[in-house]
Amino acid sequence: MSPTDRSLHVLIDPLVPAEDAELIASVPPELLPPPEGPVADRPAWAGRPT
């Protein structure tokens, strides 16, 4: 199966503010962590915590 044959579903917590949810939903699939994990605690590209 090629990557174009698969669907990607991202669940966003309903408590996330709408503006943040739109930003999360706009991230291209190739930048999202793999659904099978593992996921780093905080990716380097995310910057320093505020």
PDB file of N, CA and C in Angstrom:
ATOM      1  N   MET A   1       0.858  -1.186   0.000  1.00  0.00           N
ATOM      2  CA  MET A   1       0.000   0.000   0.000  1.00  0.00           C
ATOM      3  C   MET A   1       0.894   1.236   0.000  1.00  0.00           C
ATOM      4  N   SER A   2       0.636   2.172  -0.868  1.00  0.00           N
ATOM      5  CA  SER A   2       1.436   3.395  -0.923  1.00  0.00           C
ATOM      6  C   SER A   2       0.897   4.409   0.087  1.00  0.00           C
ATOM      7  N   PRO A   3       1.727   5.385   0.474  1.00  0.00           N
ATOM      8  CA  PRO A   3       1.271   6.399   1.434  1.00  0.00           C
ATOM      9  C   PRO A   3       0.045   7.164   0.960  1.00  0.00           C
ATOM     10  N   THR A   4      -0.152   7.267  -0.336  1.00  0.00           N
ATOM     11  CA  THR A   4      -1.312   7.998  -0.835  1.00  0.00           C
ATOM     12  C   THR A   4      -2.597   7.187  -0.704  1.00  0.00           C
ATOM     13  N   ASP A   5      -2.482   5.871  -0.430  1.00  0.00           N
ATOM     14  CA  ASP A   5      -3.657   5.020  -0.276  1.00  0.00           C
ATOM     15  C   ASP A   5      -4.208   5.042   1.146  1.00  0.00           C
ATOM     16  N   ARG A   6      -3.500   5.701   2.046  1.00  0.00           N
ATOM     17  CA  ARG A   6      -3.916   5.685   3.447  1.00  0.00           C
ATOM     18  C   ARG A   6      -4.564   7.008   3.827  1.00  0.00           C
ATOM     19  N   SER A   7      -5.441   6.945   4.799  1.00  0.00           N
ATOM     20  CA  SER A   7      -6.053   8.154   5.354  1.00  0.00           C
ATOM     21  C   SER A   7      -5.422   8.446   6.699  1.00  0.00           C
ATOM     22  N   LEU A   8      -5.353   9.701   7.041  1.00  0.00           N
ATOM     23  CA  LEU A   8      -4.816  10.113   8.326  1.00  0.00           C
ATOM     24  C   LEU A   8      -5.907  10.847   9.077  1.00  0.00           C
ATOM     25  N   HIS A   9      -6.172  10.399  10.282  1.00  0.00           N
ATOM     26  CA  HIS A   9      -7.171  11.048  11.126  1.00  0.00           C
ATOM     27  C   HIS A   9      -6.474  11.578  12.369  1.00  0.00           C
ATOM     28  N   VAL A  10      -6.616  12.850  12.621  1.00  0.00           N
ATOM     29  CA  VAL A  10      -6.011  13.480  13.780  1.00  0.00           C
ATOM     30  C   VAL A  10      -7.143  13.931  14.698  1.00  0.00           C
ATOM     31  N   LEU A  11      -7.076  13.470  15.937  1.00  0.00           N
ATOM     32  CA  LEU A  11      -8.076  13.879  16.918  1.00  0.00           C
ATOM     33  C   LEU A  11      -7.530  15.043  17.725  1.00  0.00           C
ATOM     34  N   ILE A  12      -8.310  16.093  17.835  1.00  0.00           N
ATOM     35  CA  ILE A  12      -7.914  17.275  18.587  1.00  0.00           C
ATOM     36  C   ILE A  12      -8.872  17.406  19.760  1.00  0.00           C
ATOM     37  N   ASP A  13      -8.297  17.518  20.943  1.00  0.00           N
ATOM     38  CA  ASP A  13      -9.089  17.631  22.169  1.00  0.00           C
ATOM     39  C   ASP A  13     -10.089  18.777  22.018  1.00  0.00           C
ATOM     40  N   PRO A  14     -11.369  18.520  22.299  1.00  0.00           N
ATOM     41  CA  PRO A  14     -12.378  19.585  22.151  1.00  0.00           C
ATOM     42  C   PRO A  14     -12.166  20.755  23.108  1.00  0.00           C
ATOM     43  N   LEU A  15     -11.331  20.588  24.115  1.00  0.00           N
ATOM     44  CA  LEU A  15     -11.053  21.683  25.047  1.00  0.00           C
ATOM     45  C   LEU A  15      -9.971  22.633  24.532  1.00  0.00           C
ATOM     46  N   VAL A  16      -9.317  22.253  23.430  1.00  0.00           N
ATOM     47  CA  VAL A  16      -8.315  23.124  22.812  1.00  0.00           C
ATOM     48  C   VAL A  16      -9.041  24.302  22.173  1.00  0.00           C
ATOM     49  N   PRO A  17      -8.560  25.526  22.415  1.00  0.00           N
ATOM     50  CA  PRO A  17      -9.206  26.692  21.797  1.00  0.00           C
ATOM     51  C   PRO A  17      -9.270  26.540  20.270  1.00  0.00           C
ATOM     52  N   ALA A  18     -10.325  27.067  19.677  1.00  0.00           N
ATOM     53  CA  ALA A  18     -10.569  26.922  18.240  1.00  0.00           C
ATOM     54  C   ALA A  18      -9.387  27.402  17.401  1.00  0.00           C
ATOM     55  N   GLU A  19      -8.776  28.513  17.783  1.00  0.00           N
ATOM     56  CA  GLU A  19      -7.642  29.040  17.020  1.00  0.00           C
ATOM     57  C   GLU A  19      -6.473  28.045  17.027  1.00  0.00           C
ATOM     58  N   ASP A  20      -6.210  27.444  18.181  1.00  0.00           N
ATOM     59  CA  ASP A  20      -5.136  26.454  18.278  1.00  0.00           C
ATOM     60  C   ASP A  20      -5.491  25.184  17.503  1.00  0.00           C
ATOM     61  N   ALA A  21      -6.748  24.776  17.551  1.00  0.00           N
ATOM     62  CA  ALA A  21      -7.183  23.583  16.833  1.00  0.00           C
ATOM     63  C   ALA A  21      -7.012  23.774  15.326  1.00  0.00           C
ATOM     64  N   GLU A  22      -7.303  24.963  14.821  1.00  0.00           N
ATOM     65  CA  GLU A  22      -7.109  25.248  13.391  1.00  0.00           C
ATOM     66  C   GLU A  22      -5.639  25.159  13.016  1.00  0.00           C
ATOM     67  N   LEU A  23      -4.773  25.656  13.896  1.00  0.00           N
ATOM     68  CA  LEU A  23      -3.343  25.591  13.643  1.00  0.00           C
ATOM     69  C   LEU A  23      -2.867  24.136  13.615  1.00  0.00           C
ATOM     70  N   ILE A  24      -3.314  23.336  14.570  1.00  0.00           N
ATOM     71  CA  ILE A  24      -2.950  21.917  14.625  1.00  0.00           C
ATOM     72  C   ILE A  24      -3.439  21.209  13.370  1.00  0.00           C
ATOM     73  N   ALA A  25      -4.661  21.483  12.968  1.00  0.00           N
ATOM     74  CA  ALA A  25      -5.241  20.823  11.799  1.00  0.00           C
ATOM     75  C   ALA A  25      -4.534  21.220  10.504  1.00  0.00           C
ATOM     76  N   SER A  26      -3.834  22.350  10.503  1.00  0.00           N
ATOM     77  CA  SER A  26      -3.169  22.806   9.286  1.00  0.00           C
ATOM     78  C   SER A  26      -1.774  22.213   9.099  1.00  0.00           C
ATOM     79  N   VAL A  27      -1.279  21.449  10.070  1.00  0.00           N
ATOM     80  CA  VAL A  27       0.059  20.858   9.957  1.00  0.00           C
ATOM     81  C   VAL A  27       0.042  19.790   8.866  1.00  0.00           C
ATOM     82  N   PRO A  28       0.969  19.864   7.918  1.00  0.00           N
ATOM     83  CA  PRO A  28       1.018  18.852   6.855  1.00  0.00           C
ATOM     84  C   PRO A  28       1.296  17.464   7.443  1.00  0.00           C
ATOM     85  N   PRO A  29       0.667  16.427   6.914  1.00  0.00           N
ATOM     86  CA  PRO A  29       0.837  15.069   7.455  1.00  0.00           C
ATOM     87  C   PRO A  29       2.288  14.613   7.553  1.00  0.00           C
ATOM     88  N   GLU A  30       3.145  15.059   6.626  1.00  0.00           N
ATOM     89  CA  GLU A  30       4.535  14.608   6.674  1.00  0.00           C
ATOM     90  C   GLU A  30       5.296  15.178   7.866  1.00  0.00           C
ATOM     91  N   LEU A  31       4.756  16.201   8.532  1.00  0.00           N
ATOM     92  CA  LEU A  31       5.404  16.764   9.716  1.00  0.00           C
ATOM     93  C   LEU A  31       4.861  16.173  11.017  1.00  0.00           C
ATOM     94  N   LEU A  32       3.807  15.389  10.935  1.00  0.00           N
ATOM     95  CA  LEU A  32       3.234  14.779  12.133  1.00  0.00           C
ATOM     96  C   LEU A  32       4.039  13.556  12.545  1.00  0.00           C
ATOM     97  N   PRO A  33       4.090  13.261  13.849  1.00  0.00           N
ATOM     98  CA  PRO A  33       4.793  12.059  14.282  1.00  0.00           C
ATOM     99  C   PRO A  33       4.080  10.812  13.770  1.00  0.00           C
ATOM    100  N   PRO A  34       4.794   9.707  13.631  1.00  0.00           N
ATOM    101  CA  PRO A  34       4.162   8.488  13.135  1.00  0.00           C
ATOM    102  C   PRO A  34       3.109   7.978  14.115  1.00  0.00           C
ATOM    103  N   PRO A  35       1.954   7.538  13.628  1.00  0.00           N
ATOM    104  CA  PRO A  35       0.887   7.086  14.531  1.00  0.00           C
ATOM    105  C   PRO A  35       1.276   5.855  15.334  1.00  0.00           C
ATOM    106  N   GLU A  36       2.252   5.082  14.848  1.00  0.00           N
ATOM    107  CA  GLU A  36       2.641   3.891  15.587  1.00  0.00           C
ATOM    108  C   GLU A  36       3.624   4.192  16.707  1.00  0.00           C
ATOM    109  N   GLY A  37       4.044   5.474  16.865  1.00  0.00           N
ATOM    110  CA  GLY A  37       4.924   5.893  17.951  1.00  0.00           C
ATOM    111  C   GLY A  37       6.318   5.326  17.800  1.00  0.00           C
ATOM    112  N   PRO A  38       7.208   5.502  18.714  1.00  0.00           N
ATOM    113  CA  PRO A  38       7.108   6.401  19.859  1.00  0.00           C
ATOM    114  C   PRO A  38       7.261   7.868  19.428  1.00  0.00           C
ATOM    115  N   VAL A  39       6.787   8.745  20.268  1.00  0.00           N
ATOM    116  CA  VAL A  39       6.847  10.178  19.987  1.00  0.00           C
ATOM    117  C   VAL A  39       7.760  10.818  21.023  1.00  0.00           C
ATOM    118  N   ALA A  40       8.661  11.667  20.556  1.00  0.00           N
ATOM    119  CA  ALA A  40       9.563  12.368  21.477  1.00  0.00           C
ATOM    120  C   ALA A  40       8.774  13.260  22.426  1.00  0.00           C
ATOM    121  N   ASP A  41       9.328  13.496  23.617  1.00  0.00           N
ATOM    122  CA  ASP A  41       8.654  14.353  24.592  1.00  0.00           C
ATOM    123  C   ASP A  41       8.368  15.738  24.024  1.00  0.00           C
ATOM    124  N   ARG A  42       9.370  16.335  23.393  1.00  0.00           N
ATOM    125  CA  ARG A  42       9.183  17.647  22.772  1.00  0.00           C
ATOM    126  C   ARG A  42      10.125  17.719  21.589  1.00  0.00           C
ATOM    127  N   PRO A  43       9.591  17.689  20.377  1.00  0.00           N
ATOM    128  CA  PRO A  43      10.457  17.728  19.200  1.00  0.00           C
ATOM    129  C   PRO A  43      11.334  18.974  19.198  1.00  0.00           C
ATOM    130  N   ALA A  44      12.530  18.849  18.680  1.00  0.00           N
ATOM    131  CA  ALA A  44      13.472  19.972  18.635  1.00  0.00           C
ATOM    132  C   ALA A  44      12.888  21.166  17.894  1.00  0.00           C
ATOM    133  N   TRP A  45      12.087  20.927  16.836  1.00  0.00           N
ATOM    134  CA  TRP A  45      11.546  22.031  16.069  1.00  0.00           C
ATOM    135  C   TRP A  45      10.457  22.798  16.815  1.00  0.00           C
ATOM    136  N   ALA A  46       9.995  22.258  17.944  1.00  0.00           N
ATOM    137  CA  ALA A  46       8.918  22.908  18.697  1.00  0.00           C
ATOM    138  C   ALA A  46       9.423  24.097  19.507  1.00  0.00           C
ATOM    139  N   GLY A  47      10.734  24.211  19.686  1.00  0.00           N
ATOM    140  CA  GLY A  47      11.273  25.332  20.445  1.00  0.00           C
ATOM    141  C   GLY A  47      11.199  25.086  21.942  1.00  0.00           C
ATOM    142  N   ARG A  48      11.578  26.087  22.676  1.00  0.00           N
ATOM    143  CA  ARG A  48      11.587  25.974  24.136  1.00  0.00           C
ATOM    144  C   ARG A  48      10.181  26.106  24.691  1.00  0.00           C
ATOM    145  N   PRO A  49       9.872  25.365  25.780  1.00  0.00           N
ATOM    146  CA  PRO A  49       8.549  25.527  26.410  1.00  0.00           C
ATOM    147  C   PRO A  49       8.409  26.956  26.953  1.00  0.00           C
ATOM    148  N   THR A  50       7.206  27.452  26.961  1.00  0.00           N
ATOM    149  CA  THR A  50       6.977  28.811  27.479  1.00  0.00           C
ATOM    150  C   THR A  50       6.437  28.744  28.875  1.00  0.00           C
TER     151      THR A  50
END
